[in-house]
Amino acid sequence: MHRFFGYLAIGAAGLGLWLLFDTPEQTDVIAQQLNGASSNYSGWAVGLVMGLTLAWLAGIEWRDLPTRAGAWVRLQRRRVGLIVLGGLFASILLLF
């Protein structure tokens, strides 16, 4: 059921984007009826995208995030060190 609601939300987001970028010359009867409706579709689309984003963020295990970030830094220690040194040298070069 969770996937079904996800598909419905993606379909609603696609419909909202279609309504936002629809051309007025389109002769489709359904599109003309939806475009003639008196509501703010841009606010609706932004709200739908924000809801999808919040639902995605709710699925992340935030308690394990520092542990995973620390493990990633330990695993990539040399690469992160080289990136930090490169950023330091680039900032000095750009400063002077």
C-alpha atoms as a PDB file:
ATOM      1  CA  MET A   1       0.000   0.000   0.000  1.00  0.00           C
ATOM      2  CA  HIS A   2       2.940   2.298   0.712  1.00  0.00           C
ATOM      3  CA  ARG A   3       4.209   1.911  -2.865  1.00  0.00           C
ATOM      4  CA  PHE A   4       0.744   2.579  -4.238  1.00  0.00           C
ATOM      5  CA  PHE A   5       0.562   5.915  -2.416  1.00  0.00           C
ATOM      6  CA  GLY A   6       4.072   6.710  -3.651  1.00  0.00           C
ATOM      7  CA  TYR A   7       2.974   6.076  -7.232  1.00  0.00           C
ATOM      8  CA  LEU A   8      -0.087   8.251  -6.707  1.00  0.00           C
ATOM      9  CA  ALA A   9       2.068  11.071  -5.325  1.00  0.00           C
ATOM     10  CA  ILE A  10       4.481  10.860  -8.256  1.00  0.00           C
ATOM     11  CA  GLY A  11       1.536  10.878 -10.645  1.00  0.00           C
ATOM     12  CA  ALA A  12       0.077  13.937  -8.924  1.00  0.00           C
ATOM     13  CA  ALA A  13       3.455  15.685  -9.113  1.00  0.00           C
ATOM     14  CA  GLY A  14       3.661  14.879 -12.824  1.00  0.00           C
ATOM     15  CA  LEU A  15       0.153  16.241 -13.371  1.00  0.00           C
ATOM     16  CA  GLY A  16       1.066  19.406 -11.492  1.00  0.00           C
ATOM     17  CA  LEU A  17       4.187  19.939 -13.558  1.00  0.00           C
ATOM     18  CA  TRP A  18       2.224  19.269 -16.729  1.00  0.00           C
ATOM     19  CA  LEU A  19      -0.300  21.915 -15.719  1.00  0.00           C
ATOM     20  CA  LEU A  20       2.443  24.410 -14.892  1.00  0.00           C
ATOM     21  CA  PHE A  21       4.218  24.064 -18.238  1.00  0.00           C
ATOM     22  CA  ASP A  22       1.178  23.440 -20.427  1.00  0.00           C
ATOM     23  CA  THR A  23       0.829  25.462 -23.633  1.00  0.00           C
ATOM     24  CA  PRO A  24      -2.461  27.346 -24.149  1.00  0.00           C
ATOM     25  CA  GLU A  25      -2.727  26.115 -27.774  1.00  0.00           C
ATOM     26  CA  GLN A  26      -3.293  22.525 -26.666  1.00  0.00           C
ATOM     27  CA  THR A  27      -6.631  21.232 -27.918  1.00  0.00           C
ATOM     28  CA  ASP A  28      -7.119  18.448 -25.383  1.00  0.00           C
ATOM     29  CA  VAL A  29     -10.494  18.898 -23.667  1.00  0.00           C
ATOM     30  CA  ILE A  30      -9.308  17.634 -20.290  1.00  0.00           C
ATOM     31  CA  ALA A  31      -6.276  19.923 -20.352  1.00  0.00           C
ATOM     32  CA  GLN A  32      -8.476  22.915 -21.168  1.00  0.00           C
ATOM     33  CA  GLN A  33     -10.802  22.102 -18.288  1.00  0.00           C
ATOM     34  CA  LEU A  34      -7.919  21.685 -15.855  1.00  0.00           C
ATOM     35  CA  ASN A  35      -6.260  24.900 -17.044  1.00  0.00           C
ATOM     36  CA  GLY A  36      -9.527  26.797 -16.694  1.00  0.00           C
ATOM     37  CA  ALA A  37      -9.937  25.790 -13.045  1.00  0.00           C
ATOM     38  CA  SER A  38      -9.544  28.617 -10.571  1.00  0.00           C
ATOM     39  CA  SER A  39      -6.829  27.440  -8.201  1.00  0.00           C
ATOM     40  CA  ASN A  40      -3.186  28.131  -7.651  1.00  0.00           C
ATOM     41  CA  TYR A  41      -1.378  25.180  -9.221  1.00  0.00           C
ATOM     42  CA  SER A  42       2.100  26.491  -8.523  1.00  0.00           C
ATOM     43  CA  GLY A  43       1.430  26.516  -4.778  1.00  0.00           C
ATOM     44  CA  TRP A  44      -0.123  23.087  -5.049  1.00  0.00           C
ATOM     45  CA  ALA A  45       2.881  21.719  -6.911  1.00  0.00           C
ATOM     46  CA  VAL A  46       5.350  23.241  -4.435  1.00  0.00           C
ATOM     47  CA  GLY A  47       3.371  21.802  -1.534  1.00  0.00           C
ATOM     48  CA  LEU A  48       3.321  18.386  -3.153  1.00  0.00           C
ATOM     49  CA  VAL A  49       7.070  18.423  -3.781  1.00  0.00           C
ATOM     50  CA  MET A  50       7.696  19.577  -0.207  1.00  0.00           C
ATOM     51  CA  GLY A  51       5.496  16.742   1.074  1.00  0.00           C
ATOM     52  CA  LEU A  52       7.408  14.201  -1.004  1.00  0.00           C
ATOM     53  CA  THR A  53      10.703  15.621   0.274  1.00  0.00           C
ATOM     54  CA  LEU A  54       9.560  15.459   3.889  1.00  0.00           C
ATOM     55  CA  ALA A  55       8.366  11.883   3.394  1.00  0.00           C
ATOM     56  CA  TRP A  56      11.770  10.977   1.938  1.00  0.00           C
ATOM     57  CA  LEU A  57      13.569  12.678   4.839  1.00  0.00           C
ATOM     58  CA  ALA A  58      11.381  10.834   7.333  1.00  0.00           C
ATOM     59  CA  GLY A  59      12.668   7.525   5.988  1.00  0.00           C
ATOM     60  CA  ILE A  60      16.285   8.308   6.879  1.00  0.00           C
ATOM     61  CA  GLU A  61      17.684   6.848  10.084  1.00  0.00           C
ATOM     62  CA  TRP A  62      18.969  10.069  11.644  1.00  0.00           C
ATOM     63  CA  ARG A  63      20.264   8.313  14.754  1.00  0.00           C
ATOM     64  CA  ASP A  64      22.819   6.342  12.722  1.00  0.00           C
ATOM     65  CA  LEU A  65      23.910   9.301  10.571  1.00  0.00           C
ATOM     66  CA  PRO A  66      26.936  10.397  12.709  1.00  0.00           C
ATOM     67  CA  THR A  67      28.165   6.803  12.900  1.00  0.00           C
ATOM     68  CA  ARG A  68      27.870   6.329   9.149  1.00  0.00           C
ATOM     69  CA  ALA A  69      29.518   9.707   8.446  1.00  0.00           C
ATOM     70  CA  GLY A  70      32.403   8.855  10.775  1.00  0.00           C
ATOM     71  CA  ALA A  71      32.859   5.451   9.150  1.00  0.00           C
ATOM     72  CA  TRP A  72      32.852   7.075   5.700  1.00  0.00           C
ATOM     73  CA  VAL A  73      35.487   9.643   6.767  1.00  0.00           C
ATOM     74  CA  ARG A  74      37.666   6.882   8.255  1.00  0.00           C
ATOM     75  CA  LEU A  75      37.302   4.880   5.057  1.00  0.00           C
ATOM     76  CA  GLN A  76      38.085   7.881   2.848  1.00  0.00           C
ATOM     77  CA  ARG A  77      40.605   9.523   5.190  1.00  0.00           C
ATOM     78  CA  ARG A  78      43.332  10.031   2.617  1.00  0.00           C
ATOM     79  CA  ARG A  79      40.982  11.356  -0.046  1.00  0.00           C
ATOM     80  CA  VAL A  80      39.290  13.745   2.410  1.00  0.00           C
ATOM     81  CA  GLY A  81      42.716  14.970   3.533  1.00  0.00           C
ATOM     82  CA  LEU A  82      43.761  15.659  -0.047  1.00  0.00           C
ATOM     83  CA  ILE A  83      40.496  17.519  -0.696  1.00  0.00           C
ATOM     84  CA  VAL A  84      41.041  19.658   2.404  1.00  0.00           C
ATOM     85  CA  LEU A  85      44.624  20.447   1.370  1.00  0.00           C
ATOM     86  CA  GLY A  86      43.532  21.218  -2.189  1.00  0.00           C
ATOM     87  CA  GLY A  87      40.817  23.542  -0.898  1.00  0.00           C
ATOM     88  CA  LEU A  88      43.299  25.266   1.402  1.00  0.00           C
ATOM     89  CA  PHE A  89      45.823  25.802  -1.379  1.00  0.00           C
ATOM     90  CA  ALA A  90      43.123  26.954  -3.817  1.00  0.00           C
ATOM     91  CA  SER A  91      41.804  29.470  -1.299  1.00  0.00           C
ATOM     92  CA  ILE A  92      45.318  30.827  -0.719  1.00  0.00           C
ATOM     93  CA  LEU A  93      45.861  31.060  -4.483  1.00  0.00           C
ATOM     94  CA  LEU A  94      42.543  32.888  -4.975  1.00  0.00           C
ATOM     95  CA  LEU A  95      43.156  35.178  -2.013  1.00  0.00           C
ATOM     96  CA  PHE A  96      46.438  36.452  -3.394  1.00  0.00           C
END
